[in-house]
N, C-alpha and C. Protein backbone atom coordinates (compact mmCIF):
# COMPACT_ATOMS: atom_id res chain seq x y z
N MET A 1 40.78 89.97 138.90
CA MET A 1 42.40 89.86 138.86
C MET A 1 41.86 90.49 137.71
N ALA A 2 42.77 91.18 137.22
CA ALA A 2 43.18 91.42 135.70
C ALA A 2 44.22 91.02 135.33
N SER A 3 44.03 90.61 134.09
CA SER A 3 44.49 90.26 133.74
C SER A 3 45.16 90.69 132.13
N TYR A 4 46.86 90.53 132.22
CA TYR A 4 47.52 91.08 131.94
C TYR A 4 47.83 90.49 130.89
N GLN A 5 48.57 91.39 129.48
CA GLN A 5 49.37 90.58 128.03
C GLN A 5 50.68 91.10 128.41
N ALA A 6 51.33 90.00 128.11
CA ALA A 6 53.18 90.33 128.39
C ALA A 6 52.99 91.15 126.22
N THR A 7 53.75 92.21 126.47
CA THR A 7 54.11 92.87 124.94
C THR A 7 54.94 92.35 124.61
N PRO A 8 54.68 91.79 123.27
CA PRO A 8 55.51 91.27 122.15
C PRO A 8 56.57 91.05 121.77
N GLN A 9 57.89 90.65 121.63
CA GLN A 9 59.19 90.75 121.18
C GLN A 9 59.13 91.79 120.17
N PRO A 10 59.77 92.23 120.00
CA PRO A 10 60.53 93.26 119.04
C PRO A 10 60.92 91.86 117.48
N ALA A 11 60.60 92.17 116.19
CA ALA A 11 61.14 90.85 115.69
C ALA A 11 62.67 91.11 115.53
N ALA A 12 63.31 90.32 115.36
CA ALA A 12 64.27 89.84 115.15
C ALA A 12 65.55 90.38 113.18
N ASP A 13 66.42 91.84 113.54
CA ASP A 13 66.79 91.90 111.99
C ASP A 13 66.93 90.10 111.12
N PRO A 14 66.11 89.56 110.40
CA PRO A 14 66.93 88.13 109.74
C PRO A 14 68.65 88.49 109.08
N GLY A 15 69.15 90.06 108.85
CA GLY A 15 70.33 89.96 108.51
C GLY A 15 71.15 90.75 108.71
N ASN A 16 70.75 90.62 110.32
CA ASN A 16 71.66 91.05 111.38
C ASN A 16 73.24 90.57 112.14
N THR A 17 73.35 88.64 111.75
CA THR A 17 74.71 88.22 112.32
C THR A 17 75.03 87.92 110.89
N LEU A 18 74.71 87.78 109.72
CA LEU A 18 75.75 87.94 108.42
C LEU A 18 76.41 89.39 108.09
N GLY A 19 75.17 90.43 108.29
CA GLY A 19 76.02 91.16 108.58
C GLY A 19 76.84 91.76 108.95
N ILE A 20 77.37 91.84 110.73
CA ILE A 20 78.57 91.41 111.54
C ILE A 20 79.50 90.54 110.57
N VAL A 21 78.76 89.69 110.17
CA VAL A 21 79.85 88.85 109.68
C VAL A 21 80.64 89.28 108.34
N GLY A 22 79.73 90.17 107.51
CA GLY A 22 79.97 90.19 106.19
C GLY A 22 81.22 92.26 107.15
N LEU A 23 81.11 92.92 107.92
CA LEU A 23 81.64 93.70 108.12
C LEU A 23 82.92 92.93 109.08
N ILE A 24 82.91 92.07 109.62
CA ILE A 24 84.77 91.65 110.20
C ILE A 24 85.28 91.27 108.77
N LEU A 25 85.33 90.81 108.09
CA LEU A 25 85.34 90.09 106.84
C LEU A 25 86.04 91.50 105.75
N ALA A 26 85.06 92.06 105.65
CA ALA A 26 85.04 93.35 105.55
C ALA A 26 86.61 94.39 105.45
N ILE A 27 87.41 94.26 106.95
CA ILE A 27 87.50 95.44 107.74
C ILE A 27 89.14 94.53 107.20
N ILE A 28 88.93 93.22 107.38
CA ILE A 28 90.35 92.56 106.79
C ILE A 28 90.45 92.45 104.89
N PRO A 29 91.52 93.50 105.22
CA PRO A 29 91.63 93.37 103.47
C PRO A 29 91.67 92.45 102.38
N CYS A 30 92.34 90.91 102.94
CA CYS A 30 92.29 89.95 102.30
C CYS A 30 91.24 88.77 101.71
N SER A 31 90.24 89.18 102.67
CA SER A 31 88.91 88.35 102.61
C SER A 31 87.36 90.04 102.70
N SER A 32 88.49 91.21 101.78
CA SER A 32 87.53 92.33 101.19
C SER A 32 85.98 91.48 100.69
N THR A 33 86.62 91.82 99.74
CA THR A 33 85.84 90.82 98.93
C THR A 33 84.53 89.53 99.02
N ILE A 34 85.50 88.47 100.07
CA ILE A 34 83.76 87.97 100.41
C ILE A 34 83.91 88.96 101.23
N GLY A 35 83.76 89.65 102.14
CA GLY A 35 82.60 90.58 103.26
C GLY A 35 82.13 91.20 102.69
N MET A 36 82.10 92.30 101.64
CA MET A 36 81.23 93.08 100.91
C MET A 36 79.89 92.33 100.05
N VAL A 37 80.04 91.08 99.37
CA VAL A 37 79.32 90.05 99.06
C VAL A 37 78.46 89.73 100.31
N LEU A 38 79.09 89.05 101.08
CA LEU A 38 78.46 88.91 102.58
C LEU A 38 77.01 89.88 102.93
N SER A 39 78.18 91.37 103.75
CA SER A 39 77.30 92.63 103.58
C SER A 39 76.05 92.38 102.59
N ILE A 40 76.48 92.78 100.97
CA ILE A 40 76.05 93.22 100.16
C ILE A 40 74.49 91.70 100.05
N VAL A 41 74.32 90.84 100.71
CA VAL A 41 73.15 89.86 100.92
C VAL A 41 72.48 90.76 102.34
N ALA A 42 72.71 90.09 103.18
CA ALA A 42 72.71 90.79 104.52
C ALA A 42 71.93 92.01 104.13
N TYR A 43 72.73 93.15 104.00
CA TYR A 43 71.73 94.19 103.08
C TYR A 43 70.69 94.20 102.81
N ILE A 44 69.80 93.35 102.07
CA ILE A 44 69.31 92.95 101.12
C ILE A 44 68.21 92.40 101.90
N ILE A 45 68.28 90.96 102.75
CA ILE A 45 67.43 90.44 103.21
C ILE A 45 66.98 91.75 104.83
N SER A 46 67.71 92.67 104.96
CA SER A 46 67.57 93.45 105.81
C SER A 46 66.37 94.20 105.36
N ARG A 47 66.27 94.81 104.56
CA ARG A 47 65.69 95.37 103.24
C ARG A 47 64.29 94.95 103.45
N ARG A 48 64.22 93.57 102.64
CA ARG A 48 62.84 92.79 102.83
C ARG A 48 62.29 92.76 103.55
N ALA A 49 62.86 92.41 104.76
CA ALA A 49 62.11 91.77 106.05
C ALA A 49 61.89 93.80 106.82
N GLY A 50 62.51 94.39 105.87
CA GLY A 50 61.81 95.84 107.22
C GLY A 50 62.87 96.46 107.87
N PHE A 51 63.48 96.40 107.93
CA PHE A 51 64.63 96.98 108.62
C PHE A 51 66.14 97.14 108.23
N GLN A 52 66.79 98.45 108.75
CA GLN A 52 67.90 99.06 108.61
C GLN A 52 69.25 98.43 109.04
N ASN A 53 69.80 97.45 107.98
CA ASN A 53 71.33 97.04 108.15
C ASN A 53 72.88 97.95 108.33
N SER A 54 72.70 98.71 109.40
CA SER A 54 73.02 99.81 109.12
C SER A 54 75.26 99.21 109.07
N LYS A 55 75.39 97.67 110.08
CA LYS A 55 76.38 96.81 109.78
C LYS A 55 76.80 96.95 108.88
N ALA A 56 75.55 96.09 107.61
CA ALA A 56 75.79 95.05 106.79
C ALA A 56 76.62 96.50 105.82
N LEU A 57 76.18 97.75 105.74
CA LEU A 57 76.13 99.12 104.77
C LEU A 57 77.23 99.35 105.72
N ALA A 58 78.06 99.03 106.57
CA ALA A 58 79.55 99.71 106.44
C ALA A 58 80.53 99.06 106.13
N GLY A 59 79.93 97.34 105.83
CA GLY A 59 80.45 96.32 105.00
C GLY A 59 80.68 96.73 103.71
N ILE A 60 80.15 97.19 103.11
CA ILE A 60 79.51 97.17 101.73
C ILE A 60 80.74 98.10 100.70
N ILE A 61 80.74 99.69 102.02
CA ILE A 61 81.25 100.55 102.02
C ILE A 61 83.03 100.39 102.27
N ILE A 62 83.60 99.59 103.50
CA ILE A 62 84.59 98.91 104.01
C ILE A 62 84.96 98.11 102.93
N GLY A 63 84.56 97.31 101.78
CA GLY A 63 84.87 96.46 100.98
C GLY A 63 84.73 97.05 99.93
N ALA A 64 84.71 97.37 99.57
CA ALA A 64 84.06 98.77 98.27
C ALA A 64 85.23 99.86 98.29
N ALA A 65 86.18 100.43 99.13
CA ALA A 65 87.02 100.98 99.38
C ALA A 65 88.40 100.20 99.31
N TRP A 66 88.48 98.98 100.05
CA TRP A 66 89.87 98.30 100.11
C TRP A 66 90.06 97.90 98.76
N LEU A 67 88.26 97.48 98.25
CA LEU A 67 88.64 96.93 96.51
C LEU A 67 88.82 98.47 95.81
N ILE A 68 88.71 99.34 95.45
CA ILE A 68 88.79 100.37 94.63
C ILE A 68 90.51 100.41 95.10
N ILE A 69 91.47 100.61 96.34
CA ILE A 69 91.92 100.56 96.99
C ILE A 69 93.15 99.67 96.56
N GLY A 70 92.59 97.89 96.44
CA GLY A 70 93.86 96.90 95.89
C GLY A 70 93.28 97.26 94.28
N LEU A 71 92.90 98.00 93.60
CA LEU A 71 93.30 98.39 91.96
C LEU A 71 93.68 98.74 92.00
N ILE A 72 93.98 100.41 92.54
CA ILE A 72 94.64 101.32 92.93
C ILE A 72 95.75 100.30 93.06
N LEU A 73 96.89 100.20 93.93
CA LEU A 73 97.71 99.98 94.21
C LEU A 73 98.54 98.70 92.94
N GLN A 74 97.12 97.72 92.20
CA GLN A 74 97.65 96.89 91.73
C GLN A 74 98.14 97.77 89.94
N LEU A 75 97.08 98.06 90.07
CA LEU A 75 97.66 100.15 88.76
C LEU A 75 98.69 100.29 88.49
N THR A 76 98.83 101.19 89.95
CA THR A 76 99.69 101.51 89.50
C THR A 76 101.43 101.25 89.84
N MET A 77 101.72 99.83 90.63
CA MET A 77 102.67 98.44 90.98
C MET A 77 103.02 98.17 88.78
N GLY A 78 102.06 98.00 88.48
CA GLY A 78 101.93 97.17 87.32
C GLY A 78 102.87 98.77 85.90
N LEU A 79 102.17 99.60 86.20
CA LEU A 79 102.80 100.86 85.80
C LEU A 79 104.28 101.30 85.58
N ILE A 80 104.85 101.16 86.76
CA ILE A 80 106.32 101.59 87.29
C ILE A 80 106.74 100.68 87.17
N SER A 81 106.38 99.04 87.69
CA SER A 81 107.37 98.14 86.99
C SER A 81 107.49 98.35 85.43
N GLY A 82 106.38 98.87 84.14
CA GLY A 82 106.19 98.72 83.09
C GLY A 82 107.33 99.84 82.83
N PHE A 83 107.16 100.35 83.76
CA PHE A 83 108.55 101.74 83.45
C PHE A 83 110.04 101.16 83.59
N ALA A 84 110.07 100.32 84.74
CA ALA A 84 111.70 99.48 85.68
C ALA A 84 111.72 99.40 83.92
N GLN A 85 111.15 98.56 83.26
CA GLN A 85 111.67 97.29 82.23
C GLN A 85 111.78 98.24 81.15
N MET A 86 111.40 99.53 81.15
CA MET A 86 111.63 100.32 79.71
C MET A 86 113.18 101.21 80.02
N ASN A 87 113.22 101.03 80.90
CA ASN A 87 114.71 101.63 81.23
C ASN A 87 115.62 100.85 81.08
């Protein structure tokens, strides 16, 4: 009888689930900062384990985009309200 060895299962990405959670939270504008932070943590965990975590990278990019859009809107509205009070 021939003895067959089972092929080992590939190692799971330790930051995959956290990357998905971070991406979902980064898409929602009111929780984008939390999602960005979770995505950064997931990306670092995955990189240390030797994996590429594209979901976490997408969460970082989307969270940063929402953060920049929010800052631009706050500055714009602040300037507009400042000019309105001057007149």
